[in-house]
């Protein structure tokens, strides 16, 4: 049985009804931080949500979300954080975690720049879904959908949201 995942980051309190439209067939939604007020509550009304706090988050998000989540979906070990970096330029905290035990899937946000890269050194897929909100320098707002099927990650797709 495959698990369908919707991945987003950097909403900064901006809600777009298309989030749930594009994640309608997903089993879980993951938010990689800088969530903002009210977003998690709206997502949780419809789906199971895993989320980490970002550097711009305060209030309830800061109180109720951790800096790093590590979990397993099907047979894939996942690490979710906000400020993570990318192959060759990781945040020192996550790099130390990788040196102990690298996940198969690493998801982060913060940069507002969409990146999907393989890290051959650590044997993992690195995903930054870009920014789904309107705050920041991004010219395109993005979401990602991904299927985890046993120990396989497949059918990754990027969704571009018009302004």
N, C-alpha and C. Protein backbone atom coordinates (compact mmCIF):
# COMPACT_ATOMS: atom_id res chain seq x y z
N UNK A 1 0.85 -1.19 0.00
CA UNK A 1 0.00 0.00 0.00
C UNK A 1 0.89 1.24 0.00
N UNK A 2 0.75 2.10 -0.95
CA UNK A 2 1.56 3.31 -1.08
C UNK A 2 0.96 4.44 -0.24
N UNK A 3 1.85 5.33 0.21
CA UNK A 3 1.44 6.51 0.98
C UNK A 3 1.74 7.75 0.15
N UNK A 4 0.72 8.56 -0.08
CA UNK A 4 0.87 9.77 -0.86
C UNK A 4 1.12 10.95 0.08
N UNK A 5 2.17 11.72 -0.23
CA UNK A 5 2.61 12.81 0.64
C UNK A 5 2.52 14.13 -0.11
N UNK A 6 2.01 15.16 0.56
CA UNK A 6 2.06 16.53 0.07
C UNK A 6 3.09 17.27 0.90
N UNK A 7 4.01 17.98 0.26
CA UNK A 7 5.09 18.67 0.96
C UNK A 7 5.05 20.16 0.63
N UNK A 8 5.16 20.96 1.70
CA UNK A 8 5.13 22.41 1.53
C UNK A 8 6.02 23.07 2.56
N UNK A 9 6.30 24.35 2.34
CA UNK A 9 7.10 25.12 3.28
C UNK A 9 6.83 26.61 3.08
N UNK A 10 7.21 27.38 4.07
CA UNK A 10 7.25 28.83 3.96
C UNK A 10 5.94 29.46 3.49
N UNK A 11 4.86 29.11 4.18
CA UNK A 11 3.58 29.76 3.90
C UNK A 11 3.50 31.12 4.59
N UNK A 12 4.21 31.29 5.69
CA UNK A 12 4.26 32.58 6.41
C UNK A 12 2.86 33.14 6.67
N UNK A 13 1.92 32.23 7.03
CA UNK A 13 0.57 32.66 7.37
C UNK A 13 -0.35 32.88 6.18
N UNK A 14 0.13 32.67 4.98
CA UNK A 14 -0.71 32.87 3.79
C UNK A 14 -1.45 31.58 3.45
N UNK A 15 -2.76 31.67 3.35
CA UNK A 15 -3.59 30.51 3.00
C UNK A 15 -4.03 30.60 1.55
N UNK A 16 -3.97 29.48 0.85
CA UNK A 16 -4.45 29.36 -0.52
C UNK A 16 -5.30 28.08 -0.55
N UNK A 17 -6.56 28.19 -0.94
CA UNK A 17 -7.44 27.02 -0.98
C UNK A 17 -6.90 25.91 -1.87
N UNK A 18 -6.01 26.25 -2.79
CA UNK A 18 -5.44 25.24 -3.68
C UNK A 18 -4.52 24.27 -2.96
N UNK A 19 -4.04 24.62 -1.75
CA UNK A 19 -3.24 23.66 -0.99
C UNK A 19 -4.01 22.36 -0.83
N UNK A 20 -5.23 22.48 -0.36
CA UNK A 20 -6.03 21.27 -0.13
C UNK A 20 -6.51 20.64 -1.43
N UNK A 21 -6.72 21.44 -2.45
CA UNK A 21 -7.09 20.90 -3.75
C UNK A 21 -5.98 19.99 -4.27
N UNK A 22 -4.74 20.47 -4.25
CA UNK A 22 -3.63 19.68 -4.77
C UNK A 22 -3.24 18.53 -3.85
N UNK A 23 -3.55 18.65 -2.57
CA UNK A 23 -3.22 17.59 -1.61
C UNK A 23 -4.43 16.71 -1.29
N UNK A 24 -5.50 16.85 -2.05
CA UNK A 24 -6.73 16.11 -1.79
C UNK A 24 -6.51 14.59 -1.75
N UNK A 25 -5.69 14.06 -2.64
CA UNK A 25 -5.45 12.62 -2.70
C UNK A 25 -4.28 12.18 -1.82
N UNK A 26 -3.70 13.10 -1.07
CA UNK A 26 -2.56 12.76 -0.22
C UNK A 26 -3.03 12.17 1.11
N UNK A 27 -2.25 11.27 1.65
CA UNK A 27 -2.53 10.69 2.96
C UNK A 27 -2.00 11.56 4.08
N UNK A 28 -0.89 12.26 3.81
CA UNK A 28 -0.26 13.13 4.81
C UNK A 28 0.20 14.41 4.13
N UNK A 29 0.29 15.49 4.94
CA UNK A 29 0.90 16.74 4.49
C UNK A 29 2.05 17.02 5.43
N UNK A 30 3.21 17.36 4.86
CA UNK A 30 4.38 17.75 5.64
C UNK A 30 4.66 19.22 5.39
N UNK A 31 4.85 19.97 6.46
CA UNK A 31 5.17 21.40 6.35
C UNK A 31 6.55 21.63 6.95
N UNK A 32 7.47 22.16 6.14
CA UNK A 32 8.87 22.33 6.55
C UNK A 32 9.15 23.72 7.14
N UNK A 33 8.22 24.28 7.87
CA UNK A 33 8.48 25.46 8.68
C UNK A 33 8.19 26.80 8.04
N UNK A 34 8.30 27.85 8.90
CA UNK A 34 7.80 29.20 8.60
C UNK A 34 6.34 29.08 8.15
N UNK A 35 5.58 28.53 9.07
CA UNK A 35 4.19 28.17 8.84
C UNK A 35 3.29 29.40 8.94
N UNK A 36 3.37 30.11 10.07
CA UNK A 36 2.49 31.26 10.30
C UNK A 36 1.21 30.83 10.98
N UNK A 37 0.45 31.83 11.41
CA UNK A 37 -0.77 31.60 12.17
C UNK A 37 -1.89 30.99 11.34
N UNK A 38 -2.57 30.00 11.93
CA UNK A 38 -3.79 29.44 11.36
C UNK A 38 -3.62 28.38 10.29
N UNK A 39 -2.44 28.21 9.75
CA UNK A 39 -2.23 27.29 8.63
C UNK A 39 -2.37 25.83 9.07
N UNK A 40 -1.68 25.45 10.14
CA UNK A 40 -1.74 24.05 10.58
C UNK A 40 -3.15 23.63 10.92
N UNK A 41 -3.89 24.49 11.58
CA UNK A 41 -5.27 24.16 11.97
C UNK A 41 -6.11 23.85 10.73
N UNK A 42 -5.96 24.65 9.70
CA UNK A 42 -6.75 24.44 8.48
C UNK A 42 -6.33 23.15 7.77
N UNK A 43 -5.04 22.88 7.73
CA UNK A 43 -4.57 21.65 7.10
C UNK A 43 -5.04 20.43 7.88
N UNK A 44 -4.98 20.50 9.22
CA UNK A 44 -5.34 19.36 10.07
C UNK A 44 -6.83 19.05 10.03
N UNK A 45 -7.65 20.00 9.59
CA UNK A 45 -9.09 19.72 9.43
C UNK A 45 -9.33 18.64 8.39
N UNK A 46 -8.41 18.50 7.44
CA UNK A 46 -8.60 17.58 6.32
C UNK A 46 -7.62 16.42 6.27
N UNK A 47 -6.41 16.61 6.81
CA UNK A 47 -5.35 15.61 6.62
C UNK A 47 -4.52 15.43 7.87
N UNK A 48 -3.76 14.33 7.89
CA UNK A 48 -2.74 14.12 8.91
C UNK A 48 -1.57 15.02 8.54
N UNK A 49 -1.06 15.80 9.50
CA UNK A 49 0.00 16.78 9.23
C UNK A 49 1.19 16.51 10.13
N UNK A 50 2.38 16.59 9.53
CA UNK A 50 3.64 16.59 10.28
C UNK A 50 4.29 17.92 9.95
N UNK A 51 4.74 18.65 10.97
CA UNK A 51 5.29 19.99 10.73
C UNK A 51 6.39 20.31 11.72
N UNK A 52 7.33 21.12 11.25
CA UNK A 52 8.40 21.66 12.10
C UNK A 52 8.29 23.18 12.11
N UNK A 53 8.78 23.78 13.17
CA UNK A 53 8.76 25.24 13.24
C UNK A 53 9.93 25.82 12.45
N UNK A 54 9.70 27.01 11.95
CA UNK A 54 10.75 27.73 11.23
C UNK A 54 11.26 28.90 12.05
N UNK A 55 12.28 29.55 11.55
CA UNK A 55 12.88 30.67 12.27
C UNK A 55 11.93 31.86 12.41
N UNK A 56 10.93 31.98 11.55
CA UNK A 56 9.98 33.10 11.64
C UNK A 56 8.72 32.73 12.43
N UNK A 57 8.61 31.49 12.86
CA UNK A 57 7.41 31.07 13.59
C UNK A 57 7.46 31.50 15.05
N UNK A 58 6.32 31.88 15.56
CA UNK A 58 6.19 32.23 16.97
C UNK A 58 4.92 31.62 17.51
N UNK A 59 4.51 32.07 18.68
CA UNK A 59 3.24 31.67 19.26
C UNK A 59 3.02 30.18 19.33
N UNK A 60 1.81 29.77 18.93
CA UNK A 60 1.41 28.37 19.01
C UNK A 60 2.29 27.45 18.17
N UNK A 61 2.73 27.91 17.02
CA UNK A 61 3.58 27.08 16.17
C UNK A 61 4.89 26.78 16.90
N UNK A 62 5.50 27.79 17.49
CA UNK A 62 6.76 27.60 18.22
C UNK A 62 6.56 26.65 19.39
N UNK A 63 5.41 26.76 20.08
CA UNK A 63 5.13 25.91 21.24
C UNK A 63 4.81 24.47 20.85
N UNK A 64 4.15 24.28 19.72
CA UNK A 64 3.62 22.95 19.38
C UNK A 64 4.42 22.17 18.34
N UNK A 65 5.41 22.79 17.72
CA UNK A 65 6.21 22.11 16.71
C UNK A 65 7.67 22.08 17.14
N UNK A 66 8.36 21.03 16.75
CA UNK A 66 9.79 20.88 17.07
C UNK A 66 10.64 21.45 15.94
N UNK A 67 11.95 21.56 16.20
CA UNK A 67 12.89 22.00 15.18
C UNK A 67 13.16 20.91 14.14
N UNK A 68 13.19 19.67 14.61
CA UNK A 68 13.48 18.52 13.74
C UNK A 68 12.51 17.40 14.07
N UNK A 69 11.98 16.76 13.04
CA UNK A 69 11.20 15.54 13.19
C UNK A 69 11.90 14.43 12.42
N UNK A 70 12.01 13.29 13.06
CA UNK A 70 12.55 12.10 12.38
C UNK A 70 11.51 11.00 12.54
N UNK A 71 11.11 10.40 11.43
CA UNK A 71 10.04 9.42 11.46
C UNK A 71 10.19 8.48 10.26
N UNK A 72 9.41 7.42 10.27
CA UNK A 72 9.43 6.46 9.17
C UNK A 72 8.04 6.40 8.54
N UNK A 73 8.01 6.45 7.22
CA UNK A 73 6.78 6.24 6.47
C UNK A 73 7.03 5.04 5.58
N UNK A 74 6.16 4.04 5.74
CA UNK A 74 6.38 2.74 5.11
C UNK A 74 7.77 2.26 5.54
N UNK A 75 8.72 2.14 4.61
CA UNK A 75 10.07 1.69 4.97
C UNK A 75 11.11 2.78 4.74
N UNK A 76 10.67 4.03 4.64
CA UNK A 76 11.58 5.15 4.36
C UNK A 76 11.77 6.01 5.61
N UNK A 77 13.02 6.14 6.02
CA UNK A 77 13.42 6.99 7.14
C UNK A 77 13.46 8.44 6.64
N UNK A 78 12.76 9.34 7.35
CA UNK A 78 12.60 10.73 6.93
C UNK A 78 13.10 11.66 8.01
N UNK A 79 13.80 12.72 7.61
CA UNK A 79 14.16 13.80 8.52
C UNK A 79 13.58 15.08 7.93
N UNK A 80 12.79 15.79 8.75
CA UNK A 80 12.11 17.02 8.35
C UNK A 80 12.58 18.14 9.26
N UNK A 81 13.07 19.24 8.68
CA UNK A 81 13.49 20.41 9.44
C UNK A 81 13.29 21.66 8.59
N UNK A 82 13.53 22.82 9.16
CA UNK A 82 13.34 24.05 8.39
C UNK A 82 14.65 24.49 7.73
N UNK A 83 15.66 24.80 8.51
CA UNK A 83 16.93 25.27 7.95
C UNK A 83 17.86 24.06 7.83
N UNK A 84 17.97 23.53 6.62
CA UNK A 84 18.73 22.30 6.44
C UNK A 84 19.86 22.38 5.44
N UNK A 85 19.69 23.19 4.41
CA UNK A 85 20.70 23.26 3.36
C UNK A 85 20.48 22.20 2.29
N UNK A 86 21.57 21.89 1.60
CA UNK A 86 21.51 20.95 0.49
C UNK A 86 22.88 20.29 0.34
N UNK A 87 22.99 19.25 -0.50
CA UNK A 87 24.26 18.53 -0.59
C UNK A 87 25.47 19.46 -0.77
N UNK A 88 26.46 19.24 0.11
CA UNK A 88 27.66 20.06 0.10
C UNK A 88 27.56 21.34 0.92
N UNK A 89 26.34 21.70 1.33
CA UNK A 89 26.13 22.94 2.10
C UNK A 89 25.03 22.74 3.16
N UNK A 90 25.19 21.73 3.98
CA UNK A 90 24.20 21.46 5.02
C UNK A 90 24.41 22.33 6.23
N UNK A 91 23.31 22.60 6.92
CA UNK A 91 23.36 23.23 8.25
C UNK A 91 24.18 22.29 9.14
N UNK A 92 25.09 22.84 9.96
CA UNK A 92 25.94 21.97 10.80
C UNK A 92 25.17 21.00 11.69
N UNK A 93 24.01 21.42 12.21
CA UNK A 93 23.23 20.54 13.08
C UNK A 93 22.72 19.31 12.33
N UNK A 94 22.18 19.50 11.12
CA UNK A 94 21.67 18.34 10.39
C UNK A 94 22.83 17.51 9.84
N UNK A 95 23.92 18.14 9.49
CA UNK A 95 25.09 17.39 9.02
C UNK A 95 25.57 16.41 10.10
N UNK A 96 25.58 16.86 11.34
CA UNK A 96 25.96 15.97 12.45
C UNK A 96 24.99 14.80 12.56
N UNK A 97 23.72 15.07 12.37
CA UNK A 97 22.70 14.01 12.39
C UNK A 97 22.97 13.01 11.26
N UNK A 98 23.30 13.51 10.07
CA UNK A 98 23.57 12.63 8.93
C UNK A 98 24.80 11.76 9.18
N UNK A 99 25.81 12.33 9.83
CA UNK A 99 27.03 11.56 10.12
C UNK A 99 26.75 10.41 11.08
N UNK A 100 25.78 10.60 11.99
CA UNK A 100 25.38 9.51 12.90
C UNK A 100 24.57 8.46 12.13
N UNK A 101 23.57 8.96 11.39
CA UNK A 101 22.68 8.06 10.66
C UNK A 101 21.87 8.90 9.67
N UNK A 102 22.22 8.81 8.40
CA UNK A 102 21.53 9.59 7.38
C UNK A 102 20.16 8.99 7.08
N UNK A 103 19.14 9.84 6.90
CA UNK A 103 17.83 9.33 6.49
C UNK A 103 17.86 8.98 5.00
N UNK A 104 16.81 8.37 4.52
CA UNK A 104 16.67 8.13 3.07
C UNK A 104 16.08 9.35 2.38
N UNK A 105 15.26 10.12 3.15
CA UNK A 105 14.61 11.31 2.60
C UNK A 105 14.81 12.46 3.56
N UNK A 106 15.39 13.55 3.07
CA UNK A 106 15.64 14.75 3.86
C UNK A 106 14.81 15.87 3.26
N UNK A 107 13.95 16.50 4.10
CA UNK A 107 13.08 17.58 3.65
C UNK A 107 13.33 18.81 4.51
N UNK A 108 13.55 19.94 3.83
CA UNK A 108 13.73 21.21 4.54
C UNK A 108 13.11 22.34 3.73
N UNK A 109 13.08 23.52 4.33
CA UNK A 109 12.54 24.70 3.66
C UNK A 109 13.53 25.84 3.75
N UNK A 110 13.04 27.01 4.16
CA UNK A 110 13.81 28.20 4.50
C UNK A 110 14.29 29.04 3.32
N UNK A 111 14.88 28.44 2.31
CA UNK A 111 15.50 29.23 1.24
C UNK A 111 14.48 29.82 0.26
N UNK A 112 13.26 29.29 0.25
CA UNK A 112 12.22 29.66 -0.72
C UNK A 112 12.61 29.23 -2.14
N UNK A 113 13.63 28.37 -2.24
CA UNK A 113 14.12 27.91 -3.54
C UNK A 113 13.83 26.41 -3.68
N UNK A 114 13.05 26.06 -4.68
CA UNK A 114 12.73 24.67 -4.96
C UNK A 114 14.01 23.92 -5.34
N UNK A 115 14.27 22.81 -4.64
CA UNK A 115 15.42 21.94 -4.97
C UNK A 115 15.03 20.50 -4.70
N UNK A 116 15.33 19.64 -5.64
CA UNK A 116 15.21 18.20 -5.46
C UNK A 116 16.54 17.63 -5.94
N UNK A 117 17.32 17.06 -5.01
CA UNK A 117 18.67 16.61 -5.34
C UNK A 117 18.96 15.28 -4.65
N UNK A 118 19.72 14.45 -5.34
CA UNK A 118 20.23 13.23 -4.71
C UNK A 118 21.56 13.56 -4.05
N UNK A 119 21.76 13.04 -2.85
CA UNK A 119 23.05 13.15 -2.18
C UNK A 119 23.66 11.76 -2.16
N UNK A 120 24.61 11.54 -3.05
CA UNK A 120 25.22 10.21 -3.18
C UNK A 120 26.09 9.88 -1.97
N UNK A 121 26.71 10.89 -1.37
CA UNK A 121 27.57 10.65 -0.21
C UNK A 121 26.76 10.03 0.93
N UNK A 122 25.58 10.58 1.21
CA UNK A 122 24.76 10.09 2.31
C UNK A 122 23.67 9.12 1.84
N UNK A 123 23.53 8.93 0.54
CA UNK A 123 22.55 7.98 0.01
C UNK A 123 21.11 8.39 0.29
N UNK A 124 20.82 9.69 0.09
CA UNK A 124 19.46 10.16 0.38
C UNK A 124 18.97 11.12 -0.69
N UNK A 125 17.65 11.28 -0.72
CA UNK A 125 17.01 12.27 -1.57
C UNK A 125 16.78 13.51 -0.71
N UNK A 126 17.17 14.68 -1.22
CA UNK A 126 16.99 15.95 -0.52
C UNK A 126 15.92 16.75 -1.24
N UNK A 127 14.92 17.21 -0.49
CA UNK A 127 13.80 17.93 -1.08
C UNK A 127 13.57 19.23 -0.33
N UNK A 128 13.56 20.33 -1.06
CA UNK A 128 13.10 21.62 -0.55
C UNK A 128 11.95 22.01 -1.46
N UNK A 129 10.72 22.08 -0.92
CA UNK A 129 9.57 22.35 -1.78
C UNK A 129 9.44 23.80 -2.23
N UNK A 130 10.42 24.65 -1.90
CA UNK A 130 10.28 26.06 -2.22
C UNK A 130 9.31 26.72 -1.27
N UNK A 131 8.70 27.80 -1.68
CA UNK A 131 7.77 28.53 -0.81
C UNK A 131 6.35 28.48 -1.36
N UNK A 132 5.40 28.16 -0.48
CA UNK A 132 4.00 28.11 -0.89
C UNK A 132 3.28 29.42 -0.61
N UNK A 133 3.88 30.28 0.20
CA UNK A 133 3.26 31.55 0.55
C UNK A 133 3.70 32.69 -0.36
N UNK A 134 3.25 33.89 -0.02
CA UNK A 134 3.56 35.06 -0.84
C UNK A 134 4.69 35.90 -0.28
N UNK A 135 5.14 35.61 0.92
CA UNK A 135 6.21 36.38 1.53
C UNK A 135 7.56 35.88 1.01
N UNK A 136 8.41 36.78 0.57
CA UNK A 136 9.75 36.38 0.14
C UNK A 136 10.03 36.76 -1.30
N UNK A 137 11.19 36.37 -1.76
CA UNK A 137 11.68 36.76 -3.08
C UNK A 137 11.28 35.82 -4.21
N UNK A 138 10.64 34.71 -3.90
CA UNK A 138 10.32 33.73 -4.95
C UNK A 138 9.39 34.33 -5.99
N UNK A 139 9.59 33.93 -7.23
CA UNK A 139 8.73 34.40 -8.31
C UNK A 139 7.66 33.38 -8.65
N UNK A 140 7.85 32.14 -8.19
CA UNK A 140 6.87 31.07 -8.38
C UNK A 140 6.65 30.40 -7.03
N UNK A 141 5.40 30.20 -6.64
CA UNK A 141 5.08 29.47 -5.41
C UNK A 141 4.93 28.00 -5.77
N UNK A 142 5.48 27.13 -4.92
CA UNK A 142 5.52 25.70 -5.27
C UNK A 142 5.13 24.78 -4.13
N UNK A 143 4.62 23.63 -4.51
CA UNK A 143 4.31 22.50 -3.63
C UNK A 143 4.91 21.26 -4.28
N UNK A 144 5.04 20.20 -3.50
CA UNK A 144 5.51 18.92 -4.04
C UNK A 144 4.57 17.80 -3.59
N UNK A 145 4.35 16.87 -4.49
CA UNK A 145 3.68 15.61 -4.14
C UNK A 145 4.66 14.48 -4.42
N UNK A 146 4.58 13.45 -3.58
CA UNK A 146 5.51 12.33 -3.65
C UNK A 146 4.79 11.09 -3.14
N UNK A 147 5.11 9.96 -3.73
CA UNK A 147 4.56 8.68 -3.26
C UNK A 147 5.69 7.87 -2.63
N UNK A 148 5.41 7.34 -1.44
CA UNK A 148 6.33 6.40 -0.79
C UNK A 148 5.64 5.04 -0.82
N UNK A 149 6.32 4.09 -1.44
CA UNK A 149 5.76 2.76 -1.65
C UNK A 149 6.77 1.75 -1.14
N UNK A 150 6.57 1.27 0.08
CA UNK A 150 7.55 0.38 0.70
C UNK A 150 8.84 1.14 0.95
N UNK A 151 9.92 0.70 0.31
CA UNK A 151 11.20 1.41 0.46
C UNK A 151 11.52 2.29 -0.75
N UNK A 152 10.51 2.51 -1.59
CA UNK A 152 10.70 3.28 -2.83
C UNK A 152 9.98 4.62 -2.76
N UNK A 153 10.67 5.66 -3.22
CA UNK A 153 10.05 6.98 -3.40
C UNK A 153 9.85 7.15 -4.89
N UNK A 154 8.64 7.53 -5.29
CA UNK A 154 8.35 7.63 -6.72
C UNK A 154 7.31 8.72 -7.00
N UNK A 155 7.14 8.99 -8.26
CA UNK A 155 6.10 9.91 -8.74
C UNK A 155 6.19 11.30 -8.11
N UNK A 156 7.41 11.80 -7.90
CA UNK A 156 7.56 13.14 -7.35
C UNK A 156 7.11 14.14 -8.41
N UNK A 157 6.26 15.06 -8.00
CA UNK A 157 5.83 16.10 -8.93
C UNK A 157 5.84 17.46 -8.25
N UNK A 158 6.23 18.46 -9.02
CA UNK A 158 6.25 19.85 -8.57
C UNK A 158 4.99 20.52 -9.06
N UNK A 159 4.33 21.24 -8.17
CA UNK A 159 3.12 21.98 -8.52
C UNK A 159 3.45 23.46 -8.40
N UNK A 160 3.23 24.20 -9.47
CA UNK A 160 3.44 25.64 -9.46
C UNK A 160 2.10 26.33 -9.24
N UNK A 161 2.09 27.24 -8.28
CA UNK A 161 0.87 28.01 -7.97
C UNK A 161 1.03 29.42 -8.56
N UNK A 162 0.07 29.81 -9.35
CA UNK A 162 0.09 31.18 -9.88
C UNK A 162 -0.22 32.14 -8.75
N UNK A 163 0.21 33.35 -8.89
CA UNK A 163 -0.02 34.35 -7.84
C UNK A 163 -1.48 34.69 -7.76
